[in-house]
Each structure stands twice: as structure tokens, then as C-alpha cells.
Protein backbone atom coordinates (compact mmCIF):
# COMPACT_ATOMS: atom_id res chain seq x y z
CA GLY A 1 0.00 0.00 0.00
CA GLU A 2 2.98 2.36 -0.02
CA PRO A 3 2.87 5.20 -2.57
CA ILE A 4 6.60 4.91 -3.18
CA PRO A 5 8.04 1.38 -3.45
CA VAL A 6 10.13 0.35 -0.45
CA GLU A 7 13.72 -0.66 -1.11
CA LYS A 8 14.75 -3.99 0.41
CA VAL A 9 18.27 -5.23 1.11
CA ALA A 10 19.66 -8.55 2.33
CA GLY A 11 18.11 -9.53 5.66
CA ASP A 12 14.94 -7.46 5.27
CA ARG A 13 11.49 -8.99 5.70
CA VAL A 14 9.17 -9.27 2.68
CA LEU A 15 5.45 -10.07 2.76
CA ALA A 16 3.31 -12.49 0.76
CA GLY A 17 1.01 -10.63 -1.61
CA THR A 18 3.46 -7.79 -2.31
CA ILE A 19 5.05 -7.18 -5.72
CA ASN A 20 8.75 -7.12 -6.50
CA GLN A 21 9.12 -4.40 -9.14
CA LYS A 22 12.69 -4.81 -10.42
CA GLY A 23 15.62 -7.13 -9.85
CA ALA A 24 15.68 -10.62 -8.39
CA PHE A 25 16.46 -12.07 -4.96
CA THR A 26 16.41 -15.32 -3.00
CA MET A 27 14.05 -15.43 -0.05
CA GLU A 28 13.48 -17.72 2.91
CA ALA A 29 9.85 -18.59 3.75
CA THR A 30 9.48 -18.01 7.49
CA GLY A 31 5.71 -18.42 7.37
CA VAL A 32 3.52 -20.32 4.89
CA GLY A 33 -0.19 -20.92 4.44
CA ASN A 34 -2.22 -19.56 7.34
CA GLU A 35 0.88 -17.99 8.91
CA THR A 36 1.40 -15.36 6.19
CA VAL A 37 0.27 -11.76 6.62
CA LEU A 38 -1.98 -12.11 3.57
CA ALA A 39 -3.73 -15.14 5.08
CA GLN A 40 -4.29 -13.23 8.32
CA ILE A 41 -5.88 -10.35 6.39
CA VAL A 42 -8.20 -12.84 4.63
CA LYS A 43 -9.22 -14.27 8.04
CA MET A 44 -10.06 -10.79 9.32
CA VAL A 45 -12.15 -10.13 6.19
CA GLN A 46 -14.13 -13.37 6.66
CA ALA A 47 -14.70 -12.66 10.34
CA ALA A 48 -15.92 -9.13 9.68
CA GLN A 49 -18.22 -10.24 6.88
CA GLY A 50 -19.68 -13.05 8.97
CA SER A 51 -20.42 -10.71 11.88
CA LYS A 52 -22.83 -8.55 9.87
CA ALA A 53 -26.50 -8.89 10.92
CA PRO A 54 -28.96 -9.72 8.09
CA VAL A 55 -30.79 -6.75 6.68
CA GLN A 56 -34.37 -6.55 7.98
CA ARG A 57 -36.64 -4.86 5.47
CA ILE A 58 -39.85 -3.32 6.66
CA VAL A 59 -41.61 -4.25 3.42
CA ASP A 60 -40.80 -7.94 3.91
CA LYS A 61 -42.31 -7.84 7.38
CA ILE A 62 -45.49 -6.17 6.18
CA SER A 63 -45.84 -8.45 3.15
CA GLY A 64 -45.64 -11.47 5.47
CA ILE A 65 -48.91 -10.50 7.15
CA PHE A 66 -50.53 -8.46 4.36
CA VAL A 67 -52.11 -11.31 2.36
CA PRO A 68 -53.63 -13.13 5.39
CA VAL A 69 -55.05 -9.83 6.67
CA VAL A 70 -56.62 -9.00 3.28
CA VAL A 71 -58.17 -12.48 3.00
CA LEU A 72 -59.54 -12.06 6.52
CA LEU A 73 -60.96 -8.62 5.63
CA SER A 74 -62.61 -10.11 2.54
CA ILE A 75 -64.25 -12.83 4.64
CA VAL A 76 -65.35 -10.26 7.26
CA THR A 77 -66.82 -8.08 4.48
CA PHE A 78 -68.84 -11.02 3.15
CA ILE A 79 -70.08 -11.94 6.63
CA CYS A 80 -71.06 -8.35 7.48
CA TRP A 81 -73.09 -7.97 4.28
CA MET A 82 -74.88 -11.28 4.96
CA VAL A 83 -75.57 -10.45 8.59
CA ILE A 84 -76.85 -6.95 7.87
CA GLY A 85 -78.74 -7.60 4.63
CA GLY A 86 -79.58 -11.25 4.82
CA GLY A 87 -79.87 -13.57 1.84
CA ASP A 88 -81.12 -10.80 -0.47
CA TYR A 89 -77.66 -9.16 -0.28
CA PHE A 90 -75.71 -12.27 -1.28
CA SER A 91 -74.68 -10.82 -4.63
CA TYR A 92 -73.58 -7.56 -2.96
CA ALA A 93 -71.66 -9.52 -0.34
CA LEU A 94 -69.89 -11.58 -2.99
CA LEU A 95 -69.02 -8.55 -5.18
CA SER A 96 -67.69 -6.60 -2.19
CA ALA A 97 -65.60 -9.54 -0.94
CA VAL A 98 -64.09 -10.05 -4.41
CA SER A 99 -63.46 -6.29 -4.80
CA VAL A 100 -61.53 -6.25 -1.51
CA LEU A 101 -59.35 -9.14 -2.70
CA VAL A 102 -58.71 -7.50 -6.10
CA ILE A 103 -58.08 -3.91 -5.02
CA ALA A 104 -55.80 -4.94 -2.14
CA CYS A 105 -53.46 -6.97 -4.34
CA PRO A 106 -49.98 -6.18 -2.89
CA CYS A 107 -48.42 -5.43 -6.30
CA ALA A 108 -47.82 -1.73 -5.55
CA LEU A 109 -46.38 -2.62 -2.16
CA GLY A 110 -44.11 -5.24 -3.68
CA LEU A 111 -42.91 -2.90 -6.46
CA ALA A 112 -42.31 0.11 -4.21
CA THR A 113 -38.78 -0.83 -3.10
CA PRO A 114 -37.26 -2.91 -5.94
CA THR A 115 -38.24 -0.52 -8.74
CA ALA A 116 -36.68 2.47 -7.00
CA LEU A 117 -33.53 0.47 -6.18
CA MET A 118 -33.24 -0.82 -9.74
CA VAL A 119 -33.47 2.68 -11.22
CA GLY A 120 -31.10 4.07 -8.58
CA MET A 121 -28.46 1.41 -9.22
CA GLY A 122 -28.74 1.99 -12.96
CA LYS A 123 -28.33 5.73 -12.43
CA GLY A 124 -25.22 5.04 -10.37
CA ALA A 125 -23.73 2.85 -13.10
CA GLU A 126 -24.17 5.73 -15.57
CA ARG A 127 -22.02 7.86 -13.26
CA HIS A 128 -19.30 5.17 -12.86
CA ILE A 129 -20.66 4.10 -9.45
CA LEU A 130 -21.03 0.32 -9.32
CA ILE A 131 -23.43 -0.70 -6.53
CA LYS A 132 -23.35 -4.43 -5.73
CA ASP A 133 -26.54 -4.71 -3.71
CA ALA A 134 -29.53 -2.77 -2.49
CA TYR A 135 -28.21 -2.68 1.08
CA ALA A 136 -25.34 -0.39 0.04
CA LEU A 137 -27.65 2.09 -1.66
CA GLU A 138 -30.02 2.19 1.31
CA THR A 139 -27.24 2.46 3.89
CA LEU A 140 -25.16 5.23 2.32
CA CYS A 141 -27.64 7.98 3.18
CA LYS A 142 -27.35 7.00 6.87
CA VAL A 143 -23.53 7.29 6.93
CA ASP A 144 -22.21 10.10 9.14
CA THR A 145 -18.49 9.20 9.08
CA ILE A 146 -16.22 8.36 6.14
CA VAL A 147 -12.74 6.89 6.58
CA LEU A 148 -10.36 7.34 3.64
CA ASP A 149 -7.20 5.47 2.83
CA LYS A 150 -4.41 7.73 1.54
CA THR A 151 -2.45 5.90 -1.11
CA GLY A 152 -4.44 5.36 -4.31
CA THR A 153 -7.59 6.84 -2.77
CA LEU A 154 -6.80 10.43 -1.83
CA THR A 155 -3.60 10.32 -3.87
CA GLU A 156 -2.78 8.91 -7.30
CA GLY A 157 -0.74 6.06 -5.81
CA ILE A 158 2.09 6.56 -8.31
CA PRO A 159 5.33 8.39 -7.45
CA VAL A 160 5.96 11.44 -9.64
CA VAL A 161 8.56 14.20 -9.76
CA VAL A 162 6.77 17.11 -8.11
CA ASP A 163 9.63 19.61 -8.12
CA SER A 164 13.30 20.04 -8.99
CA CYS A 165 16.11 22.39 -8.10
CA TRP A 166 18.96 22.81 -10.62
CA LEU A 167 22.33 24.23 -9.67
CA THR A 168 23.51 24.63 -13.25
CA GLU A 169 22.44 26.57 -16.32
CA SER A 170 19.77 24.89 -18.37
CA ASN A 171 21.46 22.33 -20.60
CA VAL A 172 19.56 19.62 -22.44
CA CYS A 173 22.55 17.25 -22.34
CA TYR A 174 22.22 16.90 -18.54
CA LEU A 175 18.62 15.71 -19.01
CA ASP A 176 19.74 13.18 -21.63
CA ILE A 177 22.48 11.82 -19.35
CA LEU A 178 20.05 11.51 -16.42
CA TYR A 179 17.52 9.80 -18.68
CA THR A 180 20.11 7.29 -19.91
CA ALA A 181 21.20 6.52 -16.35
CA GLU A 182 17.67 5.98 -15.02
CA LEU A 183 16.78 3.65 -17.89
CA LYS A 184 19.47 1.30 -16.60
CA SER A 185 18.49 1.70 -12.94
CA GLU A 186 16.45 -0.81 -10.95
CA HIS A 187 15.64 1.64 -8.17
CA PRO A 188 11.89 1.95 -7.35
CA LEU A 189 11.95 5.71 -8.01
CA ALA A 190 13.59 5.39 -11.43
CA SER A 191 10.25 5.01 -13.23
CA ALA A 192 9.03 8.35 -11.83
CA ILE A 193 12.14 10.16 -13.08
CA ILE A 194 11.91 8.43 -16.48
CA ARG A 195 8.30 9.55 -16.98
CA TRP A 196 9.23 13.11 -16.00
CA LEU A 197 12.20 13.18 -18.38
CA GLU A 198 10.16 11.74 -21.25
CA ASP A 199 7.64 14.55 -20.79
CA SER A 200 10.57 16.99 -20.92
CA GLY A 201 11.71 15.60 -24.28
CA ALA A 202 14.88 13.88 -23.03
CA SER A 203 16.59 11.22 -25.15
CA THR A 204 19.33 8.62 -24.65
CA CYS A 205 23.03 9.25 -25.18
CA GLU A 206 26.19 7.15 -25.45
CA ALA A 207 27.33 6.01 -22.00
CA GLY A 208 29.53 3.35 -20.49
CA ASP A 209 30.90 1.85 -17.28
CA PHE A 210 27.47 1.71 -15.62
CA GLU A 211 27.48 0.56 -11.98
CA SER A 212 24.65 0.01 -9.53
CA LEU A 213 25.63 0.93 -5.97
CA THR A 214 23.37 -1.06 -3.63
CA GLY A 215 21.48 1.14 -1.20
CA ARG A 216 22.96 4.33 -2.62
CA GLY A 217 22.22 4.78 -6.31
CA ILE A 218 23.96 4.47 -9.67
CA ARG A 219 27.00 5.88 -11.49
CA MET A 220 28.15 5.85 -15.12
CA GLU A 221 30.57 7.60 -17.44
CA VAL A 222 29.82 9.80 -20.45
CA ASN A 223 32.75 11.03 -22.53
CA GLY A 224 35.13 10.17 -19.68
CA VAL A 225 33.16 12.14 -17.09
CA THR A 226 31.50 10.40 -14.12
CA TYR A 227 27.83 11.10 -13.44
CA TRP A 228 25.86 9.75 -10.50
CA VAL A 229 22.25 9.65 -9.24
CA GLY A 230 21.12 8.52 -5.81
CA SER A 231 20.76 9.17 -2.10
CA HIS A 232 22.42 11.63 0.24
CA GLY A 233 24.90 8.89 1.11
CA LEU A 234 26.08 8.76 -2.53
CA LEU A 235 26.43 12.53 -2.53
CA GLU A 236 28.76 12.25 0.46
CA VAL A 237 30.81 9.54 -1.29
CA PHE A 238 31.55 11.94 -4.16
CA GLY A 239 32.20 14.83 -1.74
CA SER A 240 29.61 17.17 -3.26
CA GLU A 241 28.53 20.25 -1.33
CA ILE A 242 24.99 21.58 -1.08
CA PRO A 243 24.46 25.36 -1.17
CA ASP A 244 22.58 26.84 1.78
CA ASP A 245 19.53 27.91 -0.22
CA THR A 246 19.28 24.45 -1.81
CA MET A 247 19.61 22.78 1.61
CA LYS A 248 16.76 24.93 2.88
CA GLN A 249 14.57 23.70 0.03
CA ILE A 250 15.58 20.07 0.66
CA ARG A 251 14.67 20.33 4.34
CA GLN A 252 11.28 21.76 3.41
CA TRP A 253 10.65 18.82 1.07
CA GLN A 254 11.73 16.29 3.70
CA ASP A 255 9.52 17.94 6.33
CA ASN A 256 6.61 17.36 3.96
CA GLY A 257 7.48 13.67 3.57
CA ILE A 258 8.85 14.06 0.02
CA SER A 259 11.66 11.76 -1.17
CA VAL A 260 14.81 13.50 -2.45
CA VAL A 261 17.14 12.26 -5.21
CA TYR A 262 20.53 13.86 -5.93
CA TYR A 263 22.13 14.15 -9.39
CA GLY A 264 25.75 15.14 -9.89
CA GLU A 265 28.81 15.29 -12.12
CA GLY A 266 32.02 14.22 -10.38
CA ASN A 267 32.13 16.16 -7.11
CA ARG A 268 29.67 18.79 -8.38
CA LEU A 269 25.98 18.63 -7.54
CA LEU A 270 23.88 19.36 -10.62
CA ALA A 271 20.31 18.99 -9.41
CA VAL A 272 18.01 17.78 -6.66
CA LEU A 273 14.70 16.10 -7.54
CA ALA A 274 11.64 15.91 -5.28
CA ILE A 275 9.51 12.77 -5.70
CA SER A 276 6.18 12.18 -4.05
CA ASP A 277 2.74 10.65 -4.40
CA ARG A 278 0.60 13.48 -5.77
CA ILE A 279 -2.87 14.18 -4.39
CA LYS A 280 -5.69 13.69 -6.91
CA PRO A 281 -7.09 16.96 -8.30
CA THR A 282 -10.64 15.95 -7.28
CA SER A 283 -9.82 14.84 -3.71
CA ILE A 284 -9.92 18.34 -2.22
CA GLN A 285 -13.35 19.06 -3.71
CA ALA A 286 -14.69 15.66 -2.64
CA VAL A 287 -13.61 16.16 0.99
CA SER A 288 -15.12 19.65 0.99
CA GLU A 289 -18.44 18.34 -0.38
CA LEU A 290 -18.59 15.58 2.23
CA GLN A 291 -17.83 17.93 5.10
CA SER A 292 -20.44 20.40 3.81
CA ALA A 293 -22.96 17.54 3.98
CA GLY A 294 -22.19 17.17 7.70
CA ILE A 295 -20.04 14.04 7.36
CA GLU A 296 -16.89 13.59 9.43
CA VAL A 297 -13.90 12.64 7.28
CA TYR A 298 -10.94 10.64 8.63
CA MET A 299 -7.74 9.59 6.86
CA LEU A 300 -5.83 6.43 7.84
CA THR A 301 -2.45 5.60 6.33
CA GLY A 302 0.51 3.36 6.96
CA ASP A 303 2.78 6.17 5.78
CA ASN A 304 4.90 8.38 8.05
CA GLU A 305 3.58 11.29 10.12
CA ALA A 306 5.09 14.06 7.94
CA THR A 307 3.56 12.72 4.73
CA ALA A 308 0.18 12.07 6.37
CA GLN A 309 0.07 15.57 7.83
CA GLU A 310 0.92 17.17 4.49
CA ILE A 311 -1.73 15.22 2.53
CA ALA A 312 -4.38 15.81 5.21
CA HIS A 313 -3.59 19.53 5.18
CA LYS A 314 -3.83 19.75 1.37
CA ALA A 315 -7.09 17.78 1.28
CA GLY A 316 -8.64 19.77 4.13
CA ILE A 317 -9.02 16.72 6.41
CA LEU A 318 -9.13 17.51 10.12
CA HIS A 319 -8.74 13.97 11.50
CA TYR A 320 -5.94 11.64 10.41
CA LYS A 321 -3.77 8.85 11.78
CA ALA A 322 -0.37 7.77 10.43
CA GLY A 323 1.61 4.53 10.74
CA VAL A 324 -1.54 2.39 10.87
CA LEU A 325 -1.32 -1.37 10.20
CA PRO A 326 -4.13 -3.26 8.35
CA GLN A 327 -5.59 -4.77 11.53
CA GLU A 328 -5.41 -1.38 13.25
CA LYS A 329 -7.53 0.17 10.49
CA ALA A 330 -10.30 -2.35 11.17
CA ALA A 331 -10.00 -1.75 14.93
CA PHE A 332 -10.20 2.03 14.42
CA ILE A 333 -13.44 1.66 12.47
CA GLY A 334 -14.77 -0.71 15.15
CA ASN A 335 -14.15 1.97 17.81
CA LEU A 336 -16.04 4.55 15.75
CA GLN A 337 -18.97 2.13 15.46
CA LYS A 338 -18.96 1.55 19.23
CA ASN A 339 -19.37 5.33 19.62
CA GLY A 340 -22.56 5.19 17.57
CA LYS A 341 -21.09 6.22 14.23
CA LYS A 342 -22.34 4.88 10.90
CA VAL A 343 -19.04 4.36 9.08
CA ALA A 344 -18.15 4.05 5.40
CA MET A 345 -14.61 2.96 4.50
CA VAL A 346 -13.00 3.92 1.19
CA GLY A 347 -9.86 2.03 0.12
CA ASP A 348 -8.09 0.37 -2.77
CA GLY A 349 -5.48 -2.08 -1.47
CA ILE A 350 -5.15 -5.52 0.08
CA ASN A 351 -4.26 -3.82 3.35
CA ASP A 352 -7.65 -2.04 3.30
CA SER A 353 -9.74 -5.19 2.87
CA ALA A 354 -10.20 -5.95 6.60
CA ALA A 355 -11.30 -2.36 7.27
CA LEU A 356 -13.65 -2.48 4.27
CA ALA A 357 -15.30 -5.61 5.64
CA GLN A 358 -15.59 -4.10 9.13
CA ALA A 359 -17.29 -0.88 7.99
CA ASP A 360 -21.06 -0.45 7.73
CA LEU A 361 -20.52 0.41 4.07
CA SER A 362 -17.43 -0.43 2.02
CA ILE A 363 -16.36 1.52 -1.05
CA ALA A 364 -13.43 0.45 -3.27
CA MET A 365 -11.53 2.34 -5.94
CA GLY A 366 -11.79 0.79 -9.41
CA GLY A 367 -8.04 1.00 -9.95
CA GLY A 368 -7.26 -0.90 -6.75
CA SER A 369 -6.71 -4.54 -5.83
CA ASP A 370 -9.16 -7.34 -6.67
CA ILE A 371 -9.65 -8.31 -3.02
CA ALA A 372 -10.67 -4.75 -2.10
CA MET A 373 -13.27 -4.66 -4.89
CA ASP A 374 -14.50 -8.14 -3.96
CA VAL A 375 -15.10 -7.15 -0.33
CA ALA A 376 -16.61 -3.73 -1.11
CA LYS A 377 -20.35 -3.21 -1.55
CA MET A 378 -19.73 -0.25 -3.84
CA THR A 379 -16.97 0.41 -6.37
CA ILE A 380 -15.99 3.78 -7.85
CA ILE A 381 -14.92 2.61 -11.31
CA SER A 382 -13.20 5.88 -12.23
CA SER A 383 -11.39 6.12 -8.82
CA ASP A 384 -12.69 9.71 -8.60
CA LEU A 385 -13.57 10.65 -5.01
CA THR A 386 -16.18 13.20 -6.15
CA LYS A 387 -18.30 10.18 -7.06
CA ILE A 388 -18.84 9.54 -3.33
CA PRO A 389 -20.82 12.79 -2.76
CA GLU A 390 -22.73 11.89 -5.94
CA ALA A 391 -23.46 8.41 -4.54
CA LEU A 392 -24.58 10.01 -1.28
CA LYS A 393 -27.01 12.25 -3.15
CA LEU A 394 -28.23 9.27 -5.21
CA SER A 395 -28.81 7.25 -2.03
CA LYS A 396 -30.90 10.03 -0.48
CA LEU A 397 -32.98 10.41 -3.64
CA THR A 398 -33.52 6.65 -3.88
CA VAL A 399 -34.58 6.24 -0.26
CA ARG A 400 -36.89 9.25 -0.61
CA THR A 401 -38.48 7.63 -3.69
CA ILE A 402 -38.92 4.34 -1.79
CA ARG A 403 -40.70 6.18 1.01
CA GLN A 404 -42.94 7.99 -1.49
CA ASN A 405 -43.80 4.68 -3.15
CA LEU A 406 -44.61 3.05 0.17
CA PHE A 407 -46.71 6.03 1.23
CA TRP A 408 -48.85 5.92 -1.91
CA ALA A 409 -49.12 2.13 -1.78
CA PHE A 410 -50.37 2.24 1.82
CA ILE A 411 -52.67 5.23 1.25
CA TYR A 412 -54.14 3.48 -1.77
CA ASN A 413 -54.94 0.40 0.32
CA ILE A 414 -56.17 2.40 3.32
CA ILE A 415 -58.65 4.27 1.11
CA GLY A 416 -59.38 1.55 -1.47
CA VAL A 417 -60.16 -1.40 0.83
CA PRO A 418 -62.98 0.30 2.81
CA VAL A 419 -64.50 1.63 -0.43
CA ALA A 420 -64.34 -1.86 -1.98
CA ALA A 421 -65.93 -3.30 1.16
CA GLY A 422 -68.94 -1.01 0.59
CA VAL A 423 -68.71 1.63 3.34
CA LEU A 424 -70.14 4.22 0.92
CA TYR A 425 -73.21 2.10 0.06
CA PRO A 426 -75.33 3.27 3.04
CA VAL A 427 -74.42 6.92 2.23
CA ASN A 428 -74.92 7.22 -1.53
CA GLY A 429 -75.56 3.67 -2.74
CA PHE A 430 -72.10 3.37 -4.35
CA LEU A 431 -70.72 -0.16 -4.68
CA LEU A 432 -67.36 -0.75 -6.36
CA ASN A 433 -67.40 -3.06 -9.38
CA PRO A 434 -64.61 -5.72 -9.24
CA MET A 435 -63.53 -4.69 -12.78
CA ILE A 436 -63.03 -1.10 -11.64
CA ALA A 437 -61.19 -2.41 -8.59
CA GLY A 438 -58.87 -4.34 -10.92
CA ALA A 439 -58.20 -1.19 -12.97
CA ALA A 440 -57.48 0.78 -9.79
CA MET A 441 -55.10 -1.92 -8.63
CA ALA A 442 -53.23 -1.77 -11.96
CA PHE A 443 -53.13 2.02 -11.82
CA SER A 444 -51.51 1.91 -8.37
CA SER A 445 -48.72 -0.30 -9.71
CA VAL A 446 -48.20 1.98 -12.72
CA SER A 447 -48.04 5.05 -10.48
CA VAL A 448 -45.35 3.43 -8.28
CA VAL A 449 -43.25 2.44 -11.29
CA THR A 450 -43.64 5.90 -12.85
CA ASN A 451 -42.56 7.58 -9.62
CA SER A 452 -39.47 5.34 -9.52
CA LEU A 453 -38.58 6.20 -13.12
CA ARG A 454 -38.50 9.89 -12.16
CA LEU A 455 -35.14 9.12 -10.56
CA LYS A 456 -33.59 8.84 -14.02
CA ARG A 457 -34.17 12.55 -14.60
CA LYS A 458 -32.63 13.64 -11.32
CA LYS A 459 -29.21 15.31 -11.46
CA ILE A 460 -26.61 14.00 -9.03
CA GLU A 461 -23.49 15.49 -10.66
CA ILE A 462 -21.24 17.54 -8.40
CA ALA A 463 -20.37 20.88 -9.99
CA GLU A 464 -16.68 21.61 -10.35
CA SER A 465 -15.24 24.06 -7.83
CA PRO A 466 -15.00 27.55 -9.37
CA ALA A 467 -11.51 28.83 -10.02
CA ILE A 468 -10.01 31.37 -7.62
CA GLY A 469 -11.02 34.82 -8.66
CA ASN A 470 -14.27 33.75 -10.29
CA ALA A 471 -16.36 35.15 -7.46
CA ALA A 472 -19.62 36.84 -8.34
CA LYS A 473 -19.20 40.43 -9.53
CA PRO A 474 -21.52 43.30 -8.49
CA ASP A 475 -24.42 43.85 -10.89
CA ASN A 476 -23.36 47.45 -11.52
CA GLU A 477 -19.87 46.48 -12.67
CA VAL A 478 -19.20 47.24 -16.33
CA LYS A 479 -18.50 44.01 -18.18
CA PRO A 480 -15.64 44.03 -20.71
CA LEU A 481 -16.36 43.49 -24.36
CA THR A 482 -15.74 39.89 -25.37
CA LYS A 483 -13.20 39.07 -28.04
CA LYS A 484 -12.78 36.00 -30.14
CA VAL A 485 -9.71 34.27 -28.72
CA MET A 486 -7.78 31.43 -30.37
CA LYS A 487 -6.02 28.95 -28.11
CA LYS A 488 -3.23 26.50 -28.97
CA GLU A 489 -0.91 24.22 -27.02
CA PHE A 490 2.81 23.73 -27.63
CA LYS A 491 5.20 21.20 -26.12
CA VAL A 492 8.23 22.80 -24.47
CA GLU A 493 11.57 20.97 -24.41
CA GLY A 494 14.48 21.87 -22.16
CA MET A 495 12.66 23.00 -19.00
CA MET A 496 14.11 21.49 -15.83
CA CYS A 497 12.69 23.54 -12.96
CA ASN A 498 10.17 26.19 -12.01
CA HIS A 499 12.61 28.97 -12.94
CA CYS A 500 12.80 27.58 -16.49
CA ARG A 501 9.01 27.55 -16.67
CA MET A 502 8.81 31.17 -15.49
CA HIS A 503 11.38 32.31 -18.09
CA VAL A 504 9.43 30.69 -20.95
CA GLU A 505 6.11 32.05 -19.70
CA LYS A 506 7.51 35.57 -19.34
CA ALA A 507 8.99 35.48 -22.85
CA LEU A 508 5.70 34.44 -24.43
CA ASN A 509 3.62 36.96 -22.45
CA GLY A 510 5.97 39.72 -23.64
CA MET A 511 4.52 39.41 -27.14
CA ASP A 512 1.61 41.65 -28.17
CA GLY A 513 -1.76 39.92 -28.24
CA VAL A 514 -0.41 36.79 -26.52
CA HIS A 515 -1.40 35.36 -23.14
CA ALA A 516 0.47 32.19 -22.17
CA THR A 517 0.34 29.73 -19.29
CA VAL A 518 3.24 27.28 -19.01
CA SER A 519 3.22 24.09 -16.91
CA LEU A 520 6.26 22.05 -15.89
CA ASN A 521 4.63 18.63 -15.59
CA PRO A 522 3.63 18.08 -18.32
CA PRO A 523 5.89 20.65 -20.06
CA VAL A 524 3.21 22.42 -22.10
CA ALA A 525 2.60 26.06 -23.04
CA THR A 526 -1.06 27.01 -23.50
CA VAL A 527 -1.11 30.15 -25.64
CA GLU A 528 -4.10 32.41 -26.35
CA PHE A 529 -4.03 34.82 -29.31
CA SER A 530 -6.34 37.84 -29.03
CA GLU A 531 -4.90 39.87 -31.95
CA GLY A 532 -4.31 37.24 -34.60
CA GLU A 533 -2.45 33.94 -34.40
CA LYS A 534 1.36 34.00 -34.18
CA THR A 535 3.39 31.46 -36.10
CA LEU A 536 5.52 28.83 -34.35
CA ASP A 537 8.66 30.54 -35.68
CA GLU A 538 7.60 33.88 -34.15
CA LEU A 539 6.94 32.26 -30.79
CA GLN A 540 10.22 30.32 -30.92
CA ALA A 541 12.14 33.48 -31.77
CA ALA A 542 10.71 35.28 -28.73
CA VAL A 543 11.50 32.36 -26.41
CA SER A 544 15.07 31.99 -27.74
CA ALA A 545 15.75 35.71 -27.40
CA GLU A 546 14.21 36.25 -23.96
CA ALA A 547 14.40 32.87 -22.17
CA GLY A 548 17.26 30.84 -23.67
CA ASP A 549 17.71 27.35 -25.07
CA TYR A 550 14.14 26.06 -25.03
CA THR A 551 12.30 24.47 -27.96
CA LEU A 552 8.60 24.81 -28.80
CA LYS A 553 6.89 22.07 -30.77
CA GLU A 554 3.28 21.67 -31.94
């Protein structure tokens, strides 16, 4: 469940069910079968699932006594007519008794719940919310506490380069050398650096004398010069010094739980890369929506305190706990339930499965492990947390529709049965024909189904959070004239840090009729032309003159 793969060396303990990413090793099995950690997690899942009480549905209880009661009412109706009217009222007694049986057919009552649930579950599937059973849809609206896993749930679960600090002038060859070195590396963080360099347009170069330094990093030679990439320990081996301002930045990264990789040439430090598990863009909005709905949000993670605190702060989560083991997650949820909380657990990994089974409602991420999705009652196929507030809204609408259906089904019977029995006959001589009673019975079923189908037209989408600065303007404010603006995107090669990005952005914005926004990851310039489109050559000329050796490509 770790966001960044954990490096193992000789003598370290490895667990069944985990994945070895690169390299090979010989291991000794110290526990097999039921003694493995994976087997213990499976046991906890089975125990939690078996402890759940069966769902008691109010409609099932009523249906169990409804038919006998109606038959009894029909018999009582017949007897009353015969007692009051005698033999001359036999036909009236028979018609009334049959009308009671026909009009009180429990079709509407039986359709009230399943039709609403069927439509609700179909509506959820349209929004990438897979609901396994009716219990999940009915329970979600009662949830007052949601527990979130961090890795792969709040965050993307994939390490990425989130920042970099270069101590040398921008030079594409340094990117190519780093790219070539990382392609040969077996370190867990190498894939993150490779993806980042590929987005920056790096390519391979001729290199030799590659060496992997266990626990420290890698080194290789290019044109007789030694280059190295790795940990702080490798930096000390080569005797490189870190400037004070760079050290300040490194400490800030480490305080936030971000992994740091050093890149150097001989005894000279060239760059420092910050690698972390990035929070999903939609997680912040999802947490805000849940808290606005009055739901307490908790975050549990096996990661360290610094990383947990940083992610919780970014997501706006007030309650979090770091360094939590799989069995401790289940115990934490159990304690919340003992305090009267209705708890939903959201997770994606094997280590979340016990907690998912323990919770009142379990929600898995579609991109997670098979065991998590198997245990969960609800799966977010797109792994987008904003789907949870949507599911919450869908649950409330569905339960409301069920209650409406039950209300009309009961009201129909409360009014229809006495009328069919003939209570209006002494007043105005009205006696219900069994054929009309049959039509009324059919109409009640149609009305329940129609009310359920109204769910399909309900909107459950969560609106995107407005951008900063898009607050409502006063009505008396003069609105600017709108212009037709053309927008294009260009790939930028050669950027290595935020300073590079700022130089390129400043150069483009210095052109008349051009407004540009440049991102580092991915390295893309989004350019808007308000006074006629500029050619690629014109844009490139401005960047080369004002920013330096950067290349724009369409």
C-alpha cells in the first residue's frame, strides 16, 4: 500500500502478496499458508463479513402479514353484508368480498422498493458508481463518518517528480544523461524520473561503465566524465557540497514527507529532484463536499507522520492517523462504530480489505486490488472521489423515492379497501365493481413504477469548484467586451525547474496579443491569441531571445 516502493536489502522482511518491481532475490519462507500476513488479512475479512447482521426490510415484514389480513378482511366483508342484509344481499356480499381481494393486491407494495432500487443502481452505473446490492444504496444515506485510505484513494498512488532544483544553467545534455542513467536503474523511483524526463523531451546518449551501488544509487561515465544519481549517502561519497539555499529547500521537502534524489557530475551537484505521491485533483473538492454535507472525514495511512500531515492539510481533512497497520484500520473503524457512528470505508489495497469488511458500508476504488473490490459493496470505477458525494445524493434520492412509493401504496390500500368493502353504500348507494377495482389496482402499480422512473431525470453530478477569482461580480460592474480568442498548445523541451518555466512564460507573455500559461509537468505552453495567431517561428524566436535554449513544438 505504499505510494513509493520500499527498497529492500539482504536480511529485510518481505510479505506475501506484495510485488517485486525490479531485480531478483532469493528469499526464505518463514511463514507459509495460514501464517502469512496475507492469510491473516483474509481471516479478518471473513470474520468481519460473517459478523454482519442480516438486513431486515420493513416491506418484507409487512408483506408477510398483508395477504392473510386481506383475505380475513374479505371474509369479514362477506359476513357483514350477509348479517346486515340477509340472503337478499348475497350478490352484494360476494361482489364486495371479491373487490376487496382484487383492489388490495400487494403489487404496488411489492414494487415500491425494488423498482426504486433498480433505477437508482442503474443511475449510479451511468455515473461510474457500481453498486453491488440494495443494502449499500439504502445504507449510504445513513452514513455520518467516512474513513479514507491515503495511497491510491486520496492520492494517485504513483510516485511522480513534483519539483526540482537545478544548480547549473539549463542544458539539455544533462537531461539526456540523467535519462540514460535511469533507464538502466532498478531503483523503485527510477520510473518516476523516467516519466518526467520523457515529458521533458529527453533522449538517450552514449554512455559506459554503468554501476549500480546497492542502497545508494547508480553511477556511469559519459565522454570520460563520471555522473551519479542517488541518495544523500552517494552525494557524500563523491564529496559534493549543497548550497545553503538548496539545503533549505531540501529540508522543506523532507519535512513534507517528500523523497529527495541527488544528481551530480564528479564532485559537483547538478540537481536535486523531489519525488512524491501526488494528491488527486478531485480529492480536495470531494472532501469539501462531504464535510459540507455534515459528514466527518478521517484519513488512515501506513505512511509516516510528515507525509500524512501534508496530505491531510492539502485535502482539508481535520482527523488523520499515520503509521496504521491493516488490523489497526479495522480496529479504528470498530471503535467509531462503538461510539454510535455509521461508518463508510474507502480504500483500494489488500491492506484495506479488513477495514472495508468491518465498515457499515465499504467503497473500493476501481483501480485498486481485486480483493478490495471483492469485499466492497460499492466500487468507484473511475477512482474519482467526487463520485462519493454523488453516490450520497443518489442514495438520499432513492430512499426518498422508496418512502414515497410506500406512502402511496399504503394510502391506496387504506382508502381503497374500505371503499371496496362497501362503506359508501349506506351513504350514496355506491358499490365498487370488481372490474373497476382491478383497474385501480393496476393504476396503483403503474403510479409506483412511474414515480421510480422519475429518478432517471434527477441530477446528481457535483459541480466543479470555481476557479479562484471567479467570485460573483456586483451587478453594476461594467463588463468588458468579449473578443474572439484562439487557443493553442505547444510542447516545451528543455525546461528542468520552475525557474525555467517562469522564463518561458515571461517570454511568451511579452509578445503583443499573446497570453500564455506554461506548466512544468507536463511541459506544455497554453497560448491564447487575441490579436491574430502568431506562427511557431515567431513564438520560438521570442523564447530563444528572452528565455534561452528552449524548444517549442506543436
